[in-house]
């Protein structure tokens, strides 16, 4: 179902054979014995802040009756008024903790509920006519009842298909035309999405859990091709659960649970992912080579190895 898209995405963005790992202890026994530390070069790591979208109208009815997810009424579901309260509270958190100043870019699924969450949490303050830039969101976008949102002091927000929810069958997971989103969210970057129509969602074919997980790992691989080091991702419960279930098997069970348990609406978890392959070979921006200016610097322990008799008793004068 998504093979054509996966082929395009992989060839365009994802490096070959890149292996992603969570930073975890090697075993339960290591954890119990205090040997749980891992060390990696900083330039081979990225910090990611994973966010599930706020409560959508489909979540409310689907919690009562799973069949509600099949209803066309919830096509590309928008977030509820309670969901907007969740957005406001998460926004306060990312500002009070200073996280908003650390995030280099926000990657979001293009569905209405995720873009609403992304701009509400990471966007600027209210937009007023006369500002030099386009608003991230126009007033009342997606029946929000909200004022327009500016991009003032906001990181770039980019929509990417690869982190969409479980594809197929459920109308709530089908997106509208990209041209419609651009009218609602003028300041969001949709340029990485090639098709205006939703060519990925099929009414009669549901993506398997394994396909979701594979797509998720390809998405993480793609993140490593980007130059940003601290990235927020606004996405969906199923996508997060099936992707993260692929990671953390070398961790303590409690850490594995922290990684892969289901996300609540508008929950944020911060994690570090590591490239332990040789593919992501970008150089460090903070390492310093030393010897500037150059000079003799033979370490004492190396000298000891070169002169093993240094500490032997001196018997010449005995």
C-alpha atoms as a PDB file:
ATOM      1  CA  UNK A   1       0.000   0.000   0.000  1.00  0.00           C
ATOM      2  CA  UNK A   2       2.759   2.446   0.832  1.00  0.00           C
ATOM      3  CA  UNK A   3       5.584   0.858  -1.139  1.00  0.00           C
ATOM      4  CA  UNK A   4       5.727   3.643  -3.718  1.00  0.00           C
ATOM      5  CA  UNK A   5       5.846   6.308  -1.033  1.00  0.00           C
ATOM      6  CA  UNK A   6       8.433   4.365   0.970  1.00  0.00           C
ATOM      7  CA  UNK A   7      10.620   3.997  -2.108  1.00  0.00           C
ATOM      8  CA  UNK A   8      10.463   7.744  -2.781  1.00  0.00           C
ATOM      9  CA  UNK A   9      11.099   8.698   0.838  1.00  0.00           C
ATOM     10  CA  UNK A  10      13.972   6.257   1.287  1.00  0.00           C
ATOM     11  CA  UNK A  11      15.756   7.206  -1.919  1.00  0.00           C
ATOM     12  CA  UNK A  12      15.293  10.917  -1.326  1.00  0.00           C
ATOM     13  CA  UNK A  13      16.125  11.214   2.362  1.00  0.00           C
ATOM     14  CA  UNK A  14      16.983   8.075   4.295  1.00  0.00           C
ATOM     15  CA  UNK A  15      20.613   6.882   4.445  1.00  0.00           C
ATOM     16  CA  UNK A  16      21.314   3.228   3.766  1.00  0.00           C
ATOM     17  CA  UNK A  17      22.061   0.851   6.630  1.00  0.00           C
ATOM     18  CA  UNK A  18      21.745   3.495   9.350  1.00  0.00           C
ATOM     19  CA  UNK A  19      21.144   1.826  12.708  1.00  0.00           C
ATOM     20  CA  UNK A  20      19.279   3.697  15.431  1.00  0.00           C
ATOM     21  CA  UNK A  21      19.574   2.780  19.099  1.00  0.00           C
ATOM     22  CA  UNK A  22      18.197   4.169  22.306  1.00  0.00           C
ATOM     23  CA  UNK A  23      20.749   4.910  25.019  1.00  0.00           C
ATOM     24  CA  UNK A  24      20.125   2.079  27.486  1.00  0.00           C
ATOM     25  CA  UNK A  25      21.872  -0.309  29.831  1.00  0.00           C
ATOM     26  CA  UNK A  26      23.090  -3.509  28.279  1.00  0.00           C
ATOM     27  CA  UNK A  27      21.249  -5.924  30.549  1.00  0.00           C
ATOM     28  CA  UNK A  28      19.207  -6.324  33.703  1.00  0.00           C
ATOM     29  CA  UNK A  29      22.218  -7.703  35.565  1.00  0.00           C
ATOM     30  CA  UNK A  30      24.293  -4.703  34.492  1.00  0.00           C
ATOM     31  CA  UNK A  31      21.614  -2.393  35.839  1.00  0.00           C
ATOM     32  CA  UNK A  32      21.501  -4.234  39.161  1.00  0.00           C
ATOM     33  CA  UNK A  33      25.291  -4.096  39.451  1.00  0.00           C
ATOM     34  CA  UNK A  34      25.518  -0.420  38.617  1.00  0.00           C
ATOM     35  CA  UNK A  35      27.170  -1.033  35.225  1.00  0.00           C
ATOM     36  CA  UNK A  36      24.450   0.702  33.222  1.00  0.00           C
ATOM     37  CA  UNK A  37      26.265   3.660  31.696  1.00  0.00           C
ATOM     38  CA  UNK A  38      26.822   4.133  27.971  1.00  0.00           C
ATOM     39  CA  UNK A  39      29.039   6.706  26.297  1.00  0.00           C
ATOM     40  CA  UNK A  40      28.674   8.051  22.743  1.00  0.00           C
ATOM     41  CA  UNK A  41      30.145  10.994  20.801  1.00  0.00           C
ATOM     42  CA  UNK A  42      27.734  13.907  21.001  1.00  0.00           C
ATOM     43  CA  UNK A  43      27.664  14.475  17.243  1.00  0.00           C
ATOM     44  CA  UNK A  44      26.293  10.934  16.803  1.00  0.00           C
ATOM     45  CA  UNK A  45      23.300  11.683  19.038  1.00  0.00           C
ATOM     46  CA  UNK A  46      20.072  13.594  18.600  1.00  0.00           C
ATOM     47  CA  UNK A  47      17.611  14.660  21.257  1.00  0.00           C
ATOM     48  CA  UNK A  48      14.008  14.090  20.225  1.00  0.00           C
ATOM     49  CA  UNK A  49      10.885  15.316  21.986  1.00  0.00           C
ATOM     50  CA  UNK A  50       7.987  13.045  21.068  1.00  0.00           C
ATOM     51  CA  UNK A  51       4.471  14.469  21.362  1.00  0.00           C
ATOM     52  CA  UNK A  52       1.136  12.805  20.757  1.00  0.00           C
ATOM     53  CA  UNK A  53      -1.548  15.170  19.464  1.00  0.00           C
ATOM     54  CA  UNK A  54      -4.166  16.638  21.804  1.00  0.00           C
ATOM     55  CA  UNK A  55      -7.595  15.034  22.228  1.00  0.00           C
ATOM     56  CA  UNK A  56      -9.459  14.784  18.920  1.00  0.00           C
ATOM     57  CA  UNK A  57     -13.184  14.458  18.355  1.00  0.00           C
ATOM     58  CA  UNK A  58     -12.611  10.873  17.213  1.00  0.00           C
ATOM     59  CA  UNK A  59     -10.897  10.012  20.529  1.00  0.00           C
ATOM     60  CA  UNK A  60     -14.004  10.964  22.501  1.00  0.00           C
ATOM     61  CA  UNK A  61     -16.401   8.789  20.534  1.00  0.00           C
ATOM     62  CA  UNK A  62     -13.878   6.038  19.860  1.00  0.00           C
ATOM     63  CA  UNK A  63     -13.307   5.608  23.586  1.00  0.00           C
ATOM     64  CA  UNK A  64     -17.012   4.839  23.968  1.00  0.00           C
ATOM     65  CA  UNK A  65     -17.324   2.650  20.897  1.00  0.00           C
ATOM     66  CA  UNK A  66     -14.410   1.523  18.715  1.00  0.00           C
ATOM     67  CA  UNK A  67     -16.708   1.408  15.670  1.00  0.00           C
ATOM     68  CA  UNK A  68     -16.848   5.201  15.789  1.00  0.00           C
ATOM     69  CA  UNK A  69     -13.405   5.235  14.177  1.00  0.00           C
ATOM     70  CA  UNK A  70     -15.116   3.946  11.038  1.00  0.00           C
ATOM     71  CA  UNK A  71     -17.439   6.948  10.825  1.00  0.00           C
ATOM     72  CA  UNK A  72     -16.936   9.409   7.928  1.00  0.00           C
ATOM     73  CA  UNK A  73     -18.038  12.094  10.395  1.00  0.00           C
ATOM     74  CA  UNK A  74     -14.544  12.036  11.893  1.00  0.00           C
ATOM     75  CA  UNK A  75     -12.641  12.475   8.633  1.00  0.00           C
ATOM     76  CA  UNK A  76      -9.296  14.161   9.449  1.00  0.00           C
ATOM     77  CA  UNK A  77     -10.489  14.789  12.995  1.00  0.00           C
ATOM     78  CA  UNK A  78      -9.797  18.149  14.613  1.00  0.00           C
ATOM     79  CA  UNK A  79      -8.993  18.559  18.294  1.00  0.00           C
ATOM     80  CA  UNK A  80     -11.690  19.266  20.885  1.00  0.00           C
ATOM     81  CA  UNK A  81     -11.985  22.231  23.226  1.00  0.00           C
ATOM     82  CA  UNK A  82     -10.540  19.971  25.944  1.00  0.00           C
ATOM     83  CA  UNK A  83      -7.757  19.206  23.495  1.00  0.00           C
ATOM     84  CA  UNK A  84      -6.993  22.911  23.178  1.00  0.00           C
ATOM     85  CA  UNK A  85      -6.754  23.120  26.967  1.00  0.00           C
ATOM     86  CA  UNK A  86      -4.232  20.267  26.791  1.00  0.00           C
ATOM     87  CA  UNK A  87      -2.317  22.240  24.159  1.00  0.00           C
ATOM     88  CA  UNK A  88      -2.284  25.327  26.372  1.00  0.00           C
ATOM     89  CA  UNK A  89      -0.923  23.341  29.320  1.00  0.00           C
ATOM     90  CA  UNK A  90       1.814  21.675  27.270  1.00  0.00           C
ATOM     91  CA  UNK A  91       2.710  25.062  25.812  1.00  0.00           C
ATOM     92  CA  UNK A  92       3.168  26.446  29.335  1.00  0.00           C
ATOM     93  CA  UNK A  93       5.398  23.462  30.142  1.00  0.00           C
ATOM     94  CA  UNK A  94       7.718  23.844  27.136  1.00  0.00           C
ATOM     95  CA  UNK A  95       8.110  27.538  27.936  1.00  0.00           C
ATOM     96  CA  UNK A  96       8.600  27.176  31.703  1.00  0.00           C
ATOM     97  CA  UNK A  97      11.238  24.465  31.229  1.00  0.00           C
ATOM     98  CA  UNK A  98      13.062  26.421  28.513  1.00  0.00           C
ATOM     99  CA  UNK A  99      12.457  23.623  26.016  1.00  0.00           C
ATOM    100  CA  UNK A 100      11.020  26.021  23.445  1.00  0.00           C
ATOM    101  CA  UNK A 101      14.437  27.711  23.161  1.00  0.00           C
ATOM    102  CA  UNK A 102      16.252  24.410  22.615  1.00  0.00           C
ATOM    103  CA  UNK A 103      14.137  22.909  19.827  1.00  0.00           C
ATOM    104  CA  UNK A 104      15.712  23.510  16.407  1.00  0.00           C
ATOM    105  CA  UNK A 105      12.771  22.281  14.326  1.00  0.00           C
ATOM    106  CA  UNK A 106       9.314  20.765  14.787  1.00  0.00           C
ATOM    107  CA  UNK A 107       8.333  17.865  12.528  1.00  0.00           C
ATOM    108  CA  UNK A 108       4.613  17.135  12.409  1.00  0.00           C
ATOM    109  CA  UNK A 109       2.243  14.726  10.747  1.00  0.00           C
ATOM    110  CA  UNK A 110       0.156  16.712   8.233  1.00  0.00           C
ATOM    111  CA  UNK A 111      -3.195  15.661   9.702  1.00  0.00           C
ATOM    112  CA  UNK A 112      -5.326  18.456  11.121  1.00  0.00           C
ATOM    113  CA  UNK A 113      -5.101  17.413  14.783  1.00  0.00           C
ATOM    114  CA  UNK A 114      -1.310  17.129  14.746  1.00  0.00           C
ATOM    115  CA  UNK A 115      -0.710  20.435  12.975  1.00  0.00           C
ATOM    116  CA  UNK A 116      -3.137  22.156  15.359  1.00  0.00           C
ATOM    117  CA  UNK A 117      -1.190  20.684  18.273  1.00  0.00           C
ATOM    118  CA  UNK A 118       2.198  21.595  16.783  1.00  0.00           C
ATOM    119  CA  UNK A 119       1.377  25.250  16.141  1.00  0.00           C
ATOM    120  CA  UNK A 120      -0.500  25.587  19.435  1.00  0.00           C
ATOM    121  CA  UNK A 121       2.377  24.215  21.514  1.00  0.00           C
ATOM    122  CA  UNK A 122       5.444  25.458  19.630  1.00  0.00           C
ATOM    123  CA  UNK A 123       4.075  28.472  17.732  1.00  0.00           C
ATOM    124  CA  UNK A 124       4.321  32.145  18.619  1.00  0.00           C
ATOM    125  CA  UNK A 125       1.789  34.376  20.306  1.00  0.00           C
ATOM    126  CA  UNK A 126      -1.302  35.800  18.659  1.00  0.00           C
ATOM    127  CA  UNK A 127      -1.012  37.041  15.081  1.00  0.00           C
ATOM    128  CA  UNK A 128      -2.033  40.569  14.180  1.00  0.00           C
ATOM    129  CA  UNK A 129      -2.438  42.141  10.760  1.00  0.00           C
ATOM    130  CA  UNK A 130       0.654  43.932   9.597  1.00  0.00           C
ATOM    131  CA  UNK A 131       3.181  41.381  10.818  1.00  0.00           C
ATOM    132  CA  UNK A 132       5.976  40.744   8.339  1.00  0.00           C
ATOM    133  CA  UNK A 133       5.514  36.957   8.217  1.00  0.00           C
ATOM    134  CA  UNK A 134       2.605  34.638   7.499  1.00  0.00           C
ATOM    135  CA  UNK A 135       0.618  33.268  10.449  1.00  0.00           C
ATOM    136  CA  UNK A 136       1.267  29.668  11.426  1.00  0.00           C
ATOM    137  CA  UNK A 137      -2.501  29.233  11.785  1.00  0.00           C
ATOM    138  CA  UNK A 138      -5.395  31.409  10.652  1.00  0.00           C
ATOM    139  CA  UNK A 139      -8.245  32.212  13.018  1.00  0.00           C
ATOM    140  CA  UNK A 140     -10.716  29.359  13.654  1.00  0.00           C
ATOM    141  CA  UNK A 141      -8.673  26.849  11.639  1.00  0.00           C
ATOM    142  CA  UNK A 142     -10.356  23.454  11.763  1.00  0.00           C
ATOM    143  CA  UNK A 143     -13.308  24.749  13.824  1.00  0.00           C
ATOM    144  CA  UNK A 144     -10.875  25.605  16.610  1.00  0.00           C
ATOM    145  CA  UNK A 145     -12.508  28.812  17.764  1.00  0.00           C
ATOM    146  CA  UNK A 146      -8.957  30.078  18.273  1.00  0.00           C
ATOM    147  CA  UNK A 147      -7.300  33.304  17.232  1.00  0.00           C
ATOM    148  CA  UNK A 148      -4.592  33.270  14.586  1.00  0.00           C
ATOM    149  CA  UNK A 149      -1.120  32.162  15.740  1.00  0.00           C
ATOM    150  CA  UNK A 150       2.101  33.892  14.668  1.00  0.00           C
ATOM    151  CA  UNK A 151       5.515  32.341  14.062  1.00  0.00           C
ATOM    152  CA  UNK A 152       7.242  34.912  16.281  1.00  0.00           C
ATOM    153  CA  UNK A 153      10.116  33.214  18.175  1.00  0.00           C
ATOM    154  CA  UNK A 154       8.883  29.838  16.941  1.00  0.00           C
ATOM    155  CA  UNK A 155      11.099  27.078  15.525  1.00  0.00           C
ATOM    156  CA  UNK A 156      10.309  26.069  11.926  1.00  0.00           C
ATOM    157  CA  UNK A 157       7.381  23.647  11.669  1.00  0.00           C
ATOM    158  CA  UNK A 158       7.575  21.108   8.838  1.00  0.00           C
ATOM    159  CA  UNK A 159       4.885  18.596   7.839  1.00  0.00           C
ATOM    160  CA  UNK A 160       6.073  15.098   6.866  1.00  0.00           C
ATOM    161  CA  UNK A 161       3.916  12.193   5.672  1.00  0.00           C
ATOM    162  CA  UNK A 162       6.226   9.544   7.141  1.00  0.00           C
ATOM    163  CA  UNK A 163       5.028  10.131  10.719  1.00  0.00           C
ATOM    164  CA  UNK A 164       1.313   9.820   9.984  1.00  0.00           C
ATOM    165  CA  UNK A 165      -1.001   7.554  11.939  1.00  0.00           C
ATOM    166  CA  UNK A 166      -1.769   3.921  11.025  1.00  0.00           C
ATOM    167  CA  UNK A 167      -2.850   4.207   7.380  1.00  0.00           C
ATOM    168  CA  UNK A 168      -6.107   2.999   5.863  1.00  0.00           C
ATOM    169  CA  UNK A 169      -9.767   2.194   6.648  1.00  0.00           C
ATOM    170  CA  UNK A 170     -10.318   4.745   9.463  1.00  0.00           C
ATOM    171  CA  UNK A 171     -11.583   8.062   8.000  1.00  0.00           C
ATOM    172  CA  UNK A 172     -10.108   9.981  10.953  1.00  0.00           C
ATOM    173  CA  UNK A 173      -6.642   9.049   9.647  1.00  0.00           C
ATOM    174  CA  UNK A 174      -7.269  10.245   6.090  1.00  0.00           C
ATOM    175  CA  UNK A 175      -5.919  13.686   5.317  1.00  0.00           C
ATOM    176  CA  UNK A 176      -7.417  16.463   3.234  1.00  0.00           C
ATOM    177  CA  UNK A 177      -5.666  18.113   0.295  1.00  0.00           C
ATOM    178  CA  UNK A 178      -2.378  19.823   1.084  1.00  0.00           C
ATOM    179  CA  UNK A 179      -3.687  22.943  -0.651  1.00  0.00           C
ATOM    180  CA  UNK A 180      -6.414  23.111   2.017  1.00  0.00           C
ATOM    181  CA  UNK A 181      -3.880  22.816   4.844  1.00  0.00           C
ATOM    182  CA  UNK A 182      -1.803  25.602   3.316  1.00  0.00           C
ATOM    183  CA  UNK A 183      -4.800  27.927   3.573  1.00  0.00           C
ATOM    184  CA  UNK A 184      -5.344  27.002   7.243  1.00  0.00           C
ATOM    185  CA  UNK A 185      -1.653  26.968   8.214  1.00  0.00           C
ATOM    186  CA  UNK A 186       0.152  29.422   5.886  1.00  0.00           C
ATOM    187  CA  UNK A 187       3.356  29.499   7.949  1.00  0.00           C
ATOM    188  CA  UNK A 188       3.794  25.713   8.143  1.00  0.00           C
ATOM    189  CA  UNK A 189       6.165  24.151   5.599  1.00  0.00           C
ATOM    190  CA  UNK A 190       4.387  21.482   3.507  1.00  0.00           C
ATOM    191  CA  UNK A 191       7.025  21.400   0.759  1.00  0.00           C
ATOM    192  CA  UNK A 192       8.226  17.860   1.562  1.00  0.00           C
ATOM    193  CA  UNK A 193       4.813  16.434   0.633  1.00  0.00           C
ATOM    194  CA  UNK A 194       4.619  15.859  -3.118  1.00  0.00           C
ATOM    195  CA  UNK A 195       0.977  14.838  -3.626  1.00  0.00           C
ATOM    196  CA  UNK A 196      -1.860  17.276  -3.022  1.00  0.00           C
ATOM    197  CA  UNK A 197      -4.345  14.419  -2.631  1.00  0.00           C
ATOM    198  CA  UNK A 198      -3.961  11.658  -0.053  1.00  0.00           C
ATOM    199  CA  UNK A 199      -2.592   8.801  -2.138  1.00  0.00           C
ATOM    200  CA  UNK A 200      -1.510   6.730   0.896  1.00  0.00           C
ATOM    201  CA  UNK A 201      -4.824   6.122   2.676  1.00  0.00           C
ATOM    202  CA  UNK A 202      -6.977   3.271   1.294  1.00  0.00           C
ATOM    203  CA  UNK A 203     -10.587   2.694   2.312  1.00  0.00           C
ATOM    204  CA  UNK A 204     -10.283  -1.106   2.176  1.00  0.00           C
ATOM    205  CA  UNK A 205      -6.666  -1.804   3.184  1.00  0.00           C
ATOM    206  CA  UNK A 206      -5.265  -1.248   6.673  1.00  0.00           C
ATOM    207  CA  UNK A 207      -1.512  -0.886   7.142  1.00  0.00           C
ATOM    208  CA  UNK A 208      -0.123  -3.739   9.253  1.00  0.00           C
ATOM    209  CA  UNK A 209       1.562  -3.081  12.594  1.00  0.00           C
ATOM    210  CA  UNK A 210       4.838  -4.266  11.093  1.00  0.00           C
ATOM    211  CA  UNK A 211       4.497  -1.789   8.222  1.00  0.00           C
ATOM    212  CA  UNK A 212       3.855   1.050  10.678  1.00  0.00           C
ATOM    213  CA  UNK A 213       6.969   0.092  12.661  1.00  0.00           C
ATOM    214  CA  UNK A 214       9.098  -0.145   9.518  1.00  0.00           C
ATOM    215  CA  UNK A 215       7.864   3.248   8.376  1.00  0.00           C
ATOM    216  CA  UNK A 216       8.654   4.636  11.817  1.00  0.00           C
ATOM    217  CA  UNK A 217      12.220   3.347  11.749  1.00  0.00           C
ATOM    218  CA  UNK A 218      12.702   4.847   8.290  1.00  0.00           C
ATOM    219  CA  UNK A 219      11.438   8.130   9.715  1.00  0.00           C
ATOM    220  CA  UNK A 220      14.026   8.006  12.530  1.00  0.00           C
ATOM    221  CA  UNK A 221      16.703   7.230   9.956  1.00  0.00           C
ATOM    222  CA  UNK A 222      15.612  10.290   8.003  1.00  0.00           C
ATOM    223  CA  UNK A 223      15.910  12.456  11.122  1.00  0.00           C
ATOM    224  CA  UNK A 224      19.606  11.574  11.185  1.00  0.00           C
ATOM    225  CA  UNK A 225      20.063  13.078   7.729  1.00  0.00           C
ATOM    226  CA  UNK A 226      18.958  16.465   9.078  1.00  0.00           C
ATOM    227  CA  UNK A 227      21.439  18.906  10.572  1.00  0.00           C
ATOM    228  CA  UNK A 228      19.270  19.820  13.573  1.00  0.00           C
ATOM    229  CA  UNK A 229      20.317  18.225  16.867  1.00  0.00           C
ATOM    230  CA  UNK A 230      17.184  18.803  18.950  1.00  0.00           C
ATOM    231  CA  UNK A 231      13.901  17.964  17.238  1.00  0.00           C
ATOM    232  CA  UNK A 232      10.279  17.910  18.372  1.00  0.00           C
ATOM    233  CA  UNK A 233       7.967  15.438  16.629  1.00  0.00           C
ATOM    234  CA  UNK A 234       4.175  15.799  16.839  1.00  0.00           C
ATOM    235  CA  UNK A 235       2.509  12.582  15.768  1.00  0.00           C
ATOM    236  CA  UNK A 236       0.037   9.838  16.728  1.00  0.00           C
ATOM    237  CA  UNK A 237      -0.486   7.098  19.314  1.00  0.00           C
ATOM    238  CA  UNK A 238      -0.330   4.105  16.976  1.00  0.00           C
ATOM    239  CA  UNK A 239       2.694   5.411  15.101  1.00  0.00           C
ATOM    240  CA  UNK A 240       4.568   6.036  18.348  1.00  0.00           C
ATOM    241  CA  UNK A 241       3.614   2.744  19.972  1.00  0.00           C
ATOM    242  CA  UNK A 242       4.546   0.475  17.065  1.00  0.00           C
ATOM    243  CA  UNK A 243       7.740   2.379  16.219  1.00  0.00           C
ATOM    244  CA  UNK A 244       9.071   2.588  19.778  1.00  0.00           C
ATOM    245  CA  UNK A 245       8.261  -1.082  20.392  1.00  0.00           C
ATOM    246  CA  UNK A 246      11.127  -1.785  17.984  1.00  0.00           C
ATOM    247  CA  UNK A 247      13.582  -0.014  20.298  1.00  0.00           C
ATOM    248  CA  UNK A 248      14.868  -0.548  23.808  1.00  0.00           C
ATOM    249  CA  UNK A 249      15.116  -4.350  23.870  1.00  0.00           C
ATOM    250  CA  UNK A 250      18.614  -3.989  25.359  1.00  0.00           C
ATOM    251  CA  UNK A 251      17.248  -1.873  28.212  1.00  0.00           C
ATOM    252  CA  UNK A 252      16.088  -2.638  31.734  1.00  0.00           C
ATOM    253  CA  UNK A 253      12.356  -3.555  31.548  1.00  0.00           C
ATOM    254  CA  UNK A 254      11.402  -0.363  33.369  1.00  0.00           C
ATOM    255  CA  UNK A 255      13.292   1.720  30.813  1.00  0.00           C
ATOM    256  CA  UNK A 256      11.721  -0.257  27.972  1.00  0.00           C
ATOM    257  CA  UNK A 257       8.316   0.581  29.444  1.00  0.00           C
ATOM    258  CA  UNK A 258       9.236   4.268  29.635  1.00  0.00           C
ATOM    259  CA  UNK A 259      10.116   4.162  25.956  1.00  0.00           C
ATOM    260  CA  UNK A 260       7.286   2.164  24.444  1.00  0.00           C
ATOM    261  CA  UNK A 261       4.150   2.445  26.596  1.00  0.00           C
ATOM    262  CA  UNK A 262       1.137   4.166  25.024  1.00  0.00           C
ATOM    263  CA  UNK A 263       1.152   7.966  24.999  1.00  0.00           C
ATOM    264  CA  UNK A 264      -1.667  10.009  26.516  1.00  0.00           C
ATOM    265  CA  UNK A 265      -3.101  12.906  24.523  1.00  0.00           C
ATOM    266  CA  UNK A 266      -0.616  15.803  24.460  1.00  0.00           C
ATOM    267  CA  UNK A 267       2.007  13.789  26.364  1.00  0.00           C
ATOM    268  CA  UNK A 268       5.637  14.721  25.728  1.00  0.00           C
ATOM    269  CA  UNK A 269       8.613  12.402  26.244  1.00  0.00           C
ATOM    270  CA  UNK A 270      12.214  13.455  25.660  1.00  0.00           C
ATOM    271  CA  UNK A 271      14.698  10.831  24.466  1.00  0.00           C
ATOM    272  CA  UNK A 272      18.130  10.498  22.898  1.00  0.00           C
ATOM    273  CA  UNK A 273      18.734   8.415  19.793  1.00  0.00           C
ATOM    274  CA  UNK A 274      22.205   7.322  18.758  1.00  0.00           C
ATOM    275  CA  UNK A 275      23.790   6.466  15.423  1.00  0.00           C
ATOM    276  CA  UNK A 276      26.206   3.606  16.155  1.00  0.00           C
ATOM    277  CA  UNK A 277      26.956   2.997  12.488  1.00  0.00           C
ATOM    278  CA  UNK A 278      29.547   4.804  10.394  1.00  0.00           C
ATOM    279  CA  UNK A 279      26.935   6.321   8.097  1.00  0.00           C
ATOM    280  CA  UNK A 280      26.173   9.495  10.023  1.00  0.00           C
ATOM    281  CA  UNK A 281      29.737  10.769   9.780  1.00  0.00           C
ATOM    282  CA  UNK A 282      29.134  14.491  10.270  1.00  0.00           C
ATOM    283  CA  UNK A 283      31.884  16.088  12.330  1.00  0.00           C
ATOM    284  CA  UNK A 284      31.479  17.458  15.824  1.00  0.00           C
ATOM    285  CA  UNK A 285      30.840  21.174  16.252  1.00  0.00           C
ATOM    286  CA  UNK A 286      32.257  21.202  19.796  1.00  0.00           C
ATOM    287  CA  UNK A 287      35.300  18.871  19.695  1.00  0.00           C
ATOM    288  CA  UNK A 288      38.675  20.663  19.705  1.00  0.00           C
ATOM    289  CA  UNK A 289      41.810  19.033  18.242  1.00  0.00           C
ATOM    290  CA  UNK A 290      44.395  20.453  20.680  1.00  0.00           C
ATOM    291  CA  UNK A 291      48.118  21.087  20.027  1.00  0.00           C
ATOM    292  CA  UNK A 292      47.447  24.651  18.890  1.00  0.00           C
ATOM    293  CA  UNK A 293      50.212  25.771  18.812  1.00  0.00           C
ATOM    294  CA  UNK A 294      51.906  22.415  18.424  1.00  0.00           C
ATOM    295  CA  UNK A 295      54.385  21.140  21.010  1.00  0.00           C
ATOM    296  CA  UNK A 296      55.776  18.057  22.701  1.00  0.00           C
ATOM    297  CA  UNK A 297      53.090  16.253  24.667  1.00  0.00           C
ATOM    298  CA  UNK A 298      54.171  12.678  25.431  1.00  0.00           C
ATOM    299  CA  UNK A 299      51.748  11.447  28.151  1.00  0.00           C
ATOM    300  CA  UNK A 300      53.412  10.079  31.290  1.00  0.00           C
ATOM    301  CA  UNK A 301      51.589   6.765  31.043  1.00  0.00           C
ATOM    302  CA  UNK A 302      52.897   6.285  27.492  1.00  0.00           C
ATOM    303  CA  UNK A 303      56.398   7.129  28.715  1.00  0.00           C
ATOM    304  CA  UNK A 304      55.999   4.506  31.418  1.00  0.00           C
ATOM    305  CA  UNK A 305      55.193   1.935  28.766  1.00  0.00           C
ATOM    306  CA  UNK A 306      58.222   2.903  26.716  1.00  0.00           C
ATOM    307  CA  UNK A 307      60.547   2.680  29.766  1.00  0.00           C
ATOM    308  CA  UNK A 308      59.352  -0.365  31.736  1.00  0.00           C
ATOM    309  CA  UNK A 309      62.564  -0.456  33.851  1.00  0.00           C
ATOM    310  CA  UNK A 310      62.028   3.073  35.149  1.00  0.00           C
ATOM    311  CA  UNK A 311      60.777   1.871  38.529  1.00  0.00           C
ATOM    312  CA  UNK A 312      63.217  -1.062  38.863  1.00  0.00           C
ATOM    313  CA  UNK A 313      65.698  -0.886  41.825  1.00  0.00           C
ATOM    314  CA  UNK A 314      68.978   0.878  40.973  1.00  0.00           C
ATOM    315  CA  UNK A 315      71.745  -1.648  41.745  1.00  0.00           C
ATOM    316  CA  UNK A 316      74.619   0.078  39.944  1.00  0.00           C
ATOM    317  CA  UNK A 317      76.032   1.648  43.126  1.00  0.00           C
ATOM    318  CA  UNK A 318      75.344  -1.266  45.440  1.00  0.00           C
END
